[in-house]
Amino acid sequence: MLDASNGICITSSTAGRGREARLKGEGRVCFVLVDLELTLLHHVRWPKSDETDKDSSKEAKGCAFRRKGSKSRSQAAKRERLGEIIAGLQRTYPDAHCELNYRNPLELMVATILSAQCTDKQVNIVTKDLFKKYRKAADFAAVPLEELQNDIRRIGLFRNKAKSIQNACRTLTEHHKGKVPQTMPELVALTGVGRKTANVILGNAFDINEGVVVDTHVARLCDRLKITSAKTPEKIEK
């Protein structure tokens, strides 16, 4: 089980000391935790394939004869191994942090919406002037859409992102007194804010560990490191 209380957030932006690699199917350069993967491949205990197959088979069939003691030992082994992985992350990336520049929850929300399919570096270039012009949610809500689109034109999908930002900020002004909410249900109700974005906001702006931030790279690493075989962000978090 991934323990969000450890404060570990693996994203492409936290891998500042990793090697750069261009991923197939993505027309951009992302940071990949190559060095960490190689380290863990050598130092972390991996379950044997036959044991994994047996466990998977039992779980798939809903085996009612699994002994409680054996299950407890298996869970303990998983927790121990996950602890080793987390320790490796902390040693390799002791200064891991959100690469987006922001001064308050609203700016983080806007920056995170802009960061979809875009590098954090490019977002920071755009938000440097954007956050000087727009100080509060009401500013984003009141500006003509075409003007906001022009202000973020350097960002990919800028038209849709401008709509999302404006609609989210209108909801903030109408229902939250212009403030970014601090709960998962309220955040994901905002236009352009999914579970990943909500976890970024909660963890970085409010220091609330609702869940682990799961993007494409985290999902890939979780599978590669055999942390979980789940495919959806919600299940990977658990």
C-alpha atoms as a PDB file:
ATOM      1  CA  MET A   1       0.000   0.000   0.000  1.00  0.00           C
ATOM      2  CA  LEU A   2       1.288   3.466  -0.855  1.00  0.00           C
ATOM      3  CA  ASP A   3       1.500   5.539   2.298  1.00  0.00           C
ATOM      4  CA  ALA A   4       0.860   9.200   1.531  1.00  0.00           C
ATOM      5  CA  SER A   5       1.814  10.133   5.091  1.00  0.00           C
ATOM      6  CA  ASN A   6       5.473   9.695   4.137  1.00  0.00           C
ATOM      7  CA  GLY A   7       5.202  12.843   2.048  1.00  0.00           C
ATOM      8  CA  ILE A   8       6.738  11.194  -1.006  1.00  0.00           C
ATOM      9  CA  CYS A   9       5.536  12.630  -4.301  1.00  0.00           C
ATOM     10  CA  ILE A  10       7.140  11.093  -7.417  1.00  0.00           C
ATOM     11  CA  THR A  11       6.487  13.090 -10.546  1.00  0.00           C
ATOM     12  CA  SER A  12       8.466  13.932 -13.646  1.00  0.00           C
ATOM     13  CA  SER A  13       9.215  17.349 -12.145  1.00  0.00           C
ATOM     14  CA  THR A  14      10.775  15.959  -8.952  1.00  0.00           C
ATOM     15  CA  ALA A  15      13.365  13.949 -10.823  1.00  0.00           C
ATOM     16  CA  GLY A  16      15.700  16.891 -11.228  1.00  0.00           C
ATOM     17  CA  ARG A  17      18.810  14.765 -10.962  1.00  0.00           C
ATOM     18  CA  GLY A  18      17.586  11.961 -13.207  1.00  0.00           C
ATOM     19  CA  ARG A  19      18.601  11.485 -16.803  1.00  0.00           C
ATOM     20  CA  GLU A  20      16.546  12.993 -19.588  1.00  0.00           C
ATOM     21  CA  ALA A  21      14.796  10.619 -21.979  1.00  0.00           C
ATOM     22  CA  ARG A  22      12.255  11.199 -24.712  1.00  0.00           C
ATOM     23  CA  LEU A  23       9.271   8.938 -24.126  1.00  0.00           C
ATOM     24  CA  LYS A  24       7.569   7.275 -27.088  1.00  0.00           C
ATOM     25  CA  GLY A  25       4.229   8.792 -27.943  1.00  0.00           C
ATOM     26  CA  GLU A  26       4.958  12.033 -26.107  1.00  0.00           C
ATOM     27  CA  GLY A  27       6.369  14.871 -28.133  1.00  0.00           C
ATOM     28  CA  ARG A  28       8.302  16.358 -25.237  1.00  0.00           C
ATOM     29  CA  VAL A  29      11.304  15.671 -23.033  1.00  0.00           C
ATOM     30  CA  CYS A  30      10.508  14.394 -19.543  1.00  0.00           C
ATOM     31  CA  PHE A  31      12.723  13.595 -16.586  1.00  0.00           C
ATOM     32  CA  VAL A  32      12.709   9.872 -15.883  1.00  0.00           C
ATOM     33  CA  LEU A  33      13.944   8.297 -12.678  1.00  0.00           C
ATOM     34  CA  VAL A  34      16.468   6.156 -14.527  1.00  0.00           C
ATOM     35  CA  ASP A  35      19.191   6.303 -11.870  1.00  0.00           C
ATOM     36  CA  LEU A  36      16.724   5.477  -9.116  1.00  0.00           C
ATOM     37  CA  GLU A  37      15.289   2.568 -11.080  1.00  0.00           C
ATOM     38  CA  LEU A  38      18.734   1.079 -11.611  1.00  0.00           C
ATOM     39  CA  THR A  39      19.574   1.517  -7.936  1.00  0.00           C
ATOM     40  CA  LEU A  40      16.386  -0.135  -6.766  1.00  0.00           C
ATOM     41  CA  LEU A  41      16.757  -2.959  -9.271  1.00  0.00           C
ATOM     42  CA  HIS A  42      20.010  -3.866  -7.532  1.00  0.00           C
ATOM     43  CA  HIS A  43      19.123  -3.202  -3.903  1.00  0.00           C
ATOM     44  CA  VAL A  44      15.430  -3.885  -3.419  1.00  0.00           C
ATOM     45  CA  ARG A  45      14.210  -7.418  -2.870  1.00  0.00           C
ATOM     46  CA  TRP A  46      11.948  -8.495  -5.715  1.00  0.00           C
ATOM     47  CA  PRO A  47       9.272 -11.185  -5.326  1.00  0.00           C
ATOM     48  CA  LYS A  48       9.931 -14.347  -7.313  1.00  0.00           C
ATOM     49  CA  SER A  49       7.826 -14.651 -10.433  1.00  0.00           C
ATOM     50  CA  ASP A  50       6.368 -17.993  -9.407  1.00  0.00           C
ATOM     51  CA  GLU A  51       5.365 -16.577  -6.018  1.00  0.00           C
ATOM     52  CA  THR A  52       3.804 -13.576  -7.695  1.00  0.00           C
ATOM     53  CA  ASP A  53       1.868 -15.819 -10.095  1.00  0.00           C
ATOM     54  CA  LYS A  54       0.621 -17.966  -7.226  1.00  0.00           C
ATOM     55  CA  ASP A  55      -0.499 -14.932  -5.224  1.00  0.00           C
ATOM     56  CA  SER A  56      -2.205 -13.415  -8.253  1.00  0.00           C
ATOM     57  CA  SER A  57      -3.956 -16.693  -9.017  1.00  0.00           C
ATOM     58  CA  LYS A  58      -5.229 -17.015  -5.471  1.00  0.00           C
ATOM     59  CA  GLU A  59      -6.470 -13.429  -5.418  1.00  0.00           C
ATOM     60  CA  ALA A  60      -8.173 -13.830  -8.794  1.00  0.00           C
ATOM     61  CA  LYS A  61     -10.044 -16.916  -7.657  1.00  0.00           C
ATOM     62  CA  GLY A  62     -10.949 -15.358  -4.335  1.00  0.00           C
ATOM     63  CA  CYS A  63      -9.363 -18.266  -2.469  1.00  0.00           C
ATOM     64  CA  ALA A  64     -11.208 -18.763   0.796  1.00  0.00           C
ATOM     65  CA  PHE A  65      -8.590 -21.058   2.234  1.00  0.00           C
ATOM     66  CA  ARG A  66      -5.716 -18.609   2.566  1.00  0.00           C
ATOM     67  CA  ARG A  67      -4.488 -18.698   6.101  1.00  0.00           C
ATOM     68  CA  LYS A  68      -4.643 -15.473   8.052  1.00  0.00           C
ATOM     69  CA  GLY A  69      -1.088 -15.815   9.360  1.00  0.00           C
ATOM     70  CA  SER A  70       0.320 -16.238   5.864  1.00  0.00           C
ATOM     71  CA  LYS A  71      -1.564 -13.188   4.640  1.00  0.00           C
ATOM     72  CA  SER A  72      -0.245 -11.106   7.528  1.00  0.00           C
ATOM     73  CA  ARG A  73       3.339 -12.132   6.750  1.00  0.00           C
ATOM     74  CA  SER A  74       2.814 -11.248   3.088  1.00  0.00           C
ATOM     75  CA  GLN A  75       1.487  -7.791   3.954  1.00  0.00           C
ATOM     76  CA  ALA A  76       4.384  -7.246   6.356  1.00  0.00           C
ATOM     77  CA  ALA A  77       6.862  -8.159   3.608  1.00  0.00           C
ATOM     78  CA  LYS A  78       5.202  -5.700   1.230  1.00  0.00           C
ATOM     79  CA  ARG A  79       5.348  -2.925   3.820  1.00  0.00           C
ATOM     80  CA  GLU A  80       9.008  -3.664   4.503  1.00  0.00           C
ATOM     81  CA  ARG A  81       9.876  -3.583   0.817  1.00  0.00           C
ATOM     82  CA  LEU A  82       7.930  -0.370   0.265  1.00  0.00           C
ATOM     83  CA  GLY A  83       9.847   1.151   3.166  1.00  0.00           C
ATOM     84  CA  GLU A  84      13.092   0.317   1.363  1.00  0.00           C
ATOM     85  CA  ILE A  85      11.828   1.995  -1.809  1.00  0.00           C
ATOM     86  CA  ILE A  86      10.766   5.132   0.081  1.00  0.00           C
ATOM     87  CA  ALA A  87      14.136   5.251   1.845  1.00  0.00           C
ATOM     88  CA  GLY A  88      15.840   4.997  -1.542  1.00  0.00           C
ATOM     89  CA  LEU A  89      13.751   7.867  -2.856  1.00  0.00           C
ATOM     90  CA  GLN A  90      14.595  10.043   0.129  1.00  0.00           C
ATOM     91  CA  ARG A  91      18.316   9.357  -0.240  1.00  0.00           C
ATOM     92  CA  THR A  92      18.351   9.924  -3.991  1.00  0.00           C
ATOM     93  CA  TYR A  93      16.097  12.994  -4.026  1.00  0.00           C
ATOM     94  CA  PRO A  94      16.423  14.653  -0.591  1.00  0.00           C
ATOM     95  CA  ASP A  95      15.275  18.037  -1.903  1.00  0.00           C
ATOM     96  CA  ALA A  96      12.340  16.871  -4.052  1.00  0.00           C
ATOM     97  CA  HIS A  97       9.729  19.592  -4.380  1.00  0.00           C
ATOM     98  CA  CYS A  98       7.105  20.983  -6.722  1.00  0.00           C
ATOM     99  CA  GLU A  99       8.852  22.674  -9.654  1.00  0.00           C
ATOM    100  CA  LEU A 100       5.965  25.025 -10.402  1.00  0.00           C
ATOM    101  CA  ASN A 101       6.389  28.584  -9.138  1.00  0.00           C
ATOM    102  CA  TYR A 102       3.511  29.854  -7.005  1.00  0.00           C
ATOM    103  CA  ARG A 103       2.835  32.030  -3.947  1.00  0.00           C
ATOM    104  CA  ASN A 104      -0.624  30.885  -2.929  1.00  0.00           C
ATOM    105  CA  PRO A 105      -3.153  28.068  -3.561  1.00  0.00           C
ATOM    106  CA  LEU A 106      -4.849  29.933  -6.414  1.00  0.00           C
ATOM    107  CA  GLU A 107      -1.595  30.348  -8.317  1.00  0.00           C
ATOM    108  CA  LEU A 108      -0.766  26.688  -7.783  1.00  0.00           C
ATOM    109  CA  MET A 109      -4.178  25.666  -9.090  1.00  0.00           C
ATOM    110  CA  VAL A 110      -3.763  27.787 -12.228  1.00  0.00           C
ATOM    111  CA  ALA A 111      -0.174  26.631 -12.793  1.00  0.00           C
ATOM    112  CA  THR A 112      -1.129  22.979 -12.391  1.00  0.00           C
ATOM    113  CA  ILE A 113      -3.976  23.296 -14.887  1.00  0.00           C
ATOM    114  CA  LEU A 114      -1.533  24.905 -17.331  1.00  0.00           C
ATOM    115  CA  SER A 115       1.045  22.144 -16.778  1.00  0.00           C
ATOM    116  CA  ALA A 116      -1.023  19.414 -18.440  1.00  0.00           C
ATOM    117  CA  GLN A 117       1.001  18.140 -21.425  1.00  0.00           C
ATOM    118  CA  CYS A 118       3.464  20.980 -20.897  1.00  0.00           C
ATOM    119  CA  THR A 119       6.795  21.323 -19.101  1.00  0.00           C
ATOM    120  CA  ASP A 120       6.964  23.049 -15.737  1.00  0.00           C
ATOM    121  CA  LYS A 121       9.698  25.291 -17.140  1.00  0.00           C
ATOM    122  CA  GLN A 122       7.400  26.621 -19.848  1.00  0.00           C
ATOM    123  CA  VAL A 123       4.570  27.128 -17.353  1.00  0.00           C
ATOM    124  CA  ASN A 124       6.852  29.136 -15.058  1.00  0.00           C
ATOM    125  CA  ILE A 125       7.818  31.404 -17.955  1.00  0.00           C
ATOM    126  CA  VAL A 126       4.155  32.177 -18.685  1.00  0.00           C
ATOM    127  CA  THR A 127       2.989  32.532 -15.079  1.00  0.00           C
ATOM    128  CA  LYS A 128       5.768  35.015 -14.251  1.00  0.00           C
ATOM    129  CA  ASP A 129       3.774  37.764 -15.990  1.00  0.00           C
ATOM    130  CA  LEU A 130       0.371  36.115 -15.669  1.00  0.00           C
ATOM    131  CA  PHE A 131       0.380  36.246 -11.861  1.00  0.00           C
ATOM    132  CA  LYS A 132       1.345  39.923 -11.926  1.00  0.00           C
ATOM    133  CA  LYS A 133      -1.753  40.705 -13.972  1.00  0.00           C
ATOM    134  CA  TYR A 134      -4.219  38.364 -12.224  1.00  0.00           C
ATOM    135  CA  ARG A 135      -4.059  38.587  -8.425  1.00  0.00           C
ATOM    136  CA  LYS A 136      -7.269  36.836  -7.383  1.00  0.00           C
ATOM    137  CA  ALA A 137      -9.917  34.468  -8.683  1.00  0.00           C
ATOM    138  CA  ALA A 138     -12.237  37.356  -9.565  1.00  0.00           C
ATOM    139  CA  ASP A 139      -9.601  38.734 -11.948  1.00  0.00           C
ATOM    140  CA  PHE A 140      -9.514  35.484 -13.940  1.00  0.00           C
ATOM    141  CA  ALA A 141     -13.307  35.257 -13.876  1.00  0.00           C
ATOM    142  CA  ALA A 142     -13.927  38.806 -15.124  1.00  0.00           C
ATOM    143  CA  VAL A 143     -11.410  39.079 -17.959  1.00  0.00           C
ATOM    144  CA  PRO A 144     -12.642  38.447 -21.524  1.00  0.00           C
ATOM    145  CA  LEU A 145     -11.851  34.872 -22.504  1.00  0.00           C
ATOM    146  CA  GLU A 146      -9.940  35.933 -25.624  1.00  0.00           C
ATOM    147  CA  GLU A 147      -7.647  38.105 -23.532  1.00  0.00           C
ATOM    148  CA  LEU A 148      -6.870  35.296 -21.113  1.00  0.00           C
ATOM    149  CA  GLN A 149      -6.223  32.955 -24.020  1.00  0.00           C
ATOM    150  CA  ASN A 150      -3.778  35.445 -25.481  1.00  0.00           C
ATOM    151  CA  ASP A 151      -1.990  35.739 -22.124  1.00  0.00           C
ATOM    152  CA  ILE A 152      -1.263  31.995 -22.059  1.00  0.00           C
ATOM    153  CA  ARG A 153      -0.833  31.491 -25.795  1.00  0.00           C
ATOM    154  CA  ARG A 154       2.638  29.987 -25.354  1.00  0.00           C
ATOM    155  CA  ILE A 155       1.088  27.035 -23.518  1.00  0.00           C
ATOM    156  CA  GLY A 156      -0.209  24.042 -25.450  1.00  0.00           C
ATOM    157  CA  LEU A 157      -4.014  23.704 -25.558  1.00  0.00           C
ATOM    158  CA  PHE A 158      -4.222  27.299 -24.356  1.00  0.00           C
ATOM    159  CA  ARG A 159      -7.822  27.801 -25.499  1.00  0.00           C
ATOM    160  CA  ASN A 160      -9.233  24.923 -23.473  1.00  0.00           C
ATOM    161  CA  LYS A 161      -7.011  25.706 -20.511  1.00  0.00           C
ATOM    162  CA  ALA A 162      -8.155  29.327 -20.482  1.00  0.00           C
ATOM    163  CA  LYS A 163     -11.778  28.147 -20.371  1.00  0.00           C
ATOM    164  CA  SER A 164     -11.008  25.743 -17.532  1.00  0.00           C
ATOM    165  CA  ILE A 165      -9.192  28.386 -15.500  1.00  0.00           C
ATOM    166  CA  GLN A 166     -11.928  30.953 -15.989  1.00  0.00           C
ATOM    167  CA  ASN A 167     -14.765  28.557 -15.147  1.00  0.00           C
ATOM    168  CA  ALA A 168     -12.904  27.231 -12.097  1.00  0.00           C
ATOM    169  CA  CYS A 169     -12.304  30.765 -10.858  1.00  0.00           C
ATOM    170  CA  ARG A 170     -15.954  31.672 -11.383  1.00  0.00           C
ATOM    171  CA  THR A 171     -16.909  28.732  -9.187  1.00  0.00           C
ATOM    172  CA  LEU A 172     -14.419  29.935  -6.574  1.00  0.00           C
ATOM    173  CA  THR A 173     -15.887  33.436  -6.532  1.00  0.00           C
ATOM    174  CA  GLU A 174     -19.496  32.266  -6.513  1.00  0.00           C
ATOM    175  CA  HIS A 175     -19.275  29.373  -4.047  1.00  0.00           C
ATOM    176  CA  HIS A 176     -16.002  29.622  -2.112  1.00  0.00           C
ATOM    177  CA  LYS A 177     -15.546  33.376  -1.540  1.00  0.00           C
ATOM    178  CA  GLY A 178     -12.668  33.387  -4.001  1.00  0.00           C
ATOM    179  CA  LYS A 179     -10.664  30.849  -2.004  1.00  0.00           C
ATOM    180  CA  VAL A 180      -9.365  27.468  -3.173  1.00  0.00           C
ATOM    181  CA  PRO A 181     -11.122  24.730  -1.143  1.00  0.00           C
ATOM    182  CA  GLN A 182      -9.189  22.248   0.945  1.00  0.00           C
ATOM    183  CA  THR A 183     -11.099  19.023   0.311  1.00  0.00           C
ATOM    184  CA  MET A 184     -10.862  16.515  -2.517  1.00  0.00           C
ATOM    185  CA  PRO A 185     -14.606  16.531  -3.418  1.00  0.00           C
ATOM    186  CA  GLU A 186     -14.715  20.331  -3.637  1.00  0.00           C
ATOM    187  CA  LEU A 187     -11.526  20.515  -5.702  1.00  0.00           C
ATOM    188  CA  VAL A 188     -12.455  17.875  -8.283  1.00  0.00           C
ATOM    189  CA  ALA A 189     -15.783  19.672  -8.749  1.00  0.00           C
ATOM    190  CA  LEU A 190     -13.852  22.612 -10.245  1.00  0.00           C
ATOM    191  CA  THR A 191     -13.491  22.748 -14.026  1.00  0.00           C
ATOM    192  CA  GLY A 192     -10.078  21.501 -15.138  1.00  0.00           C
ATOM    193  CA  VAL A 193      -9.206  19.997 -11.762  1.00  0.00           C
ATOM    194  CA  GLY A 194      -8.910  16.217 -11.661  1.00  0.00           C
ATOM    195  CA  ARG A 195      -7.698  13.995  -8.854  1.00  0.00           C
ATOM    196  CA  LYS A 196      -4.019  14.423  -9.740  1.00  0.00           C
ATOM    197  CA  THR A 197      -4.287  18.224  -9.775  1.00  0.00           C
ATOM    198  CA  ALA A 198      -6.269  18.153  -6.540  1.00  0.00           C
ATOM    199  CA  ASN A 199      -3.584  16.066  -4.836  1.00  0.00           C
ATOM    200  CA  VAL A 200      -0.910  18.515  -6.023  1.00  0.00           C
ATOM    201  CA  ILE A 201      -2.858  21.422  -4.526  1.00  0.00           C
ATOM    202  CA  LEU A 202      -3.689  19.683  -1.253  1.00  0.00           C
ATOM    203  CA  GLY A 203      -0.189  18.374  -0.687  1.00  0.00           C
ATOM    204  CA  ASN A 204       1.802  21.457  -1.676  1.00  0.00           C
ATOM    205  CA  ALA A 205      -0.483  24.387  -0.831  1.00  0.00           C
ATOM    206  CA  PHE A 206      -2.166  22.992   2.288  1.00  0.00           C
ATOM    207  CA  ASP A 207       0.179  20.190   3.420  1.00  0.00           C
ATOM    208  CA  ILE A 208      -2.754  17.759   3.328  1.00  0.00           C
ATOM    209  CA  ASN A 209      -1.848  14.224   2.251  1.00  0.00           C
ATOM    210  CA  GLU A 210      -5.116  13.071   0.743  1.00  0.00           C
ATOM    211  CA  GLY A 211      -3.350  10.748  -1.666  1.00  0.00           C
ATOM    212  CA  VAL A 212      -0.313  10.173  -3.847  1.00  0.00           C
ATOM    213  CA  VAL A 213       0.049  12.268  -6.994  1.00  0.00           C
ATOM    214  CA  VAL A 214      -0.155   9.688  -9.796  1.00  0.00           C
ATOM    215  CA  ASP A 215       0.804  10.680 -13.320  1.00  0.00           C
ATOM    216  CA  THR A 216       1.965   8.562 -16.269  1.00  0.00           C
ATOM    217  CA  HIS A 217       5.507   8.252 -14.916  1.00  0.00           C
ATOM    218  CA  VAL A 218       4.472   7.336 -11.388  1.00  0.00           C
ATOM    219  CA  ALA A 219       2.136   4.672 -12.750  1.00  0.00           C
ATOM    220  CA  ARG A 220       4.937   3.246 -14.888  1.00  0.00           C
ATOM    221  CA  LEU A 221       7.379   3.169 -11.978  1.00  0.00           C
ATOM    222  CA  CYS A 222       4.856   1.566  -9.635  1.00  0.00           C
ATOM    223  CA  ASP A 223       4.406  -1.218 -12.150  1.00  0.00           C
ATOM    224  CA  ARG A 224       8.134  -1.551 -12.866  1.00  0.00           C
ATOM    225  CA  LEU A 225       9.015  -1.664  -9.164  1.00  0.00           C
ATOM    226  CA  LYS A 226       6.156  -4.113  -8.559  1.00  0.00           C
ATOM    227  CA  ILE A 227       4.538  -1.866  -5.977  1.00  0.00           C
ATOM    228  CA  THR A 228       1.133  -2.489  -7.498  1.00  0.00           C
ATOM    229  CA  SER A 229      -0.390  -3.980 -10.614  1.00  0.00           C
ATOM    230  CA  ALA A 230      -3.296  -1.516 -10.554  1.00  0.00           C
ATOM    231  CA  LYS A 231      -3.769   0.625 -13.652  1.00  0.00           C
ATOM    232  CA  THR A 232      -5.981   3.514 -12.549  1.00  0.00           C
ATOM    233  CA  PRO A 233      -4.687   6.444 -10.405  1.00  0.00           C
ATOM    234  CA  GLU A 234      -7.350   5.848  -7.752  1.00  0.00           C
ATOM    235  CA  LYS A 235      -6.333   2.206  -7.277  1.00  0.00           C
ATOM    236  CA  ILE A 236      -2.598   2.966  -7.445  1.00  0.00           C
ATOM    237  CA  GLU A 237      -3.036   5.434  -4.587  1.00  0.00           C
ATOM    238  CA  LYS A 238      -4.428   2.647  -2.415  1.00  0.00           C
END
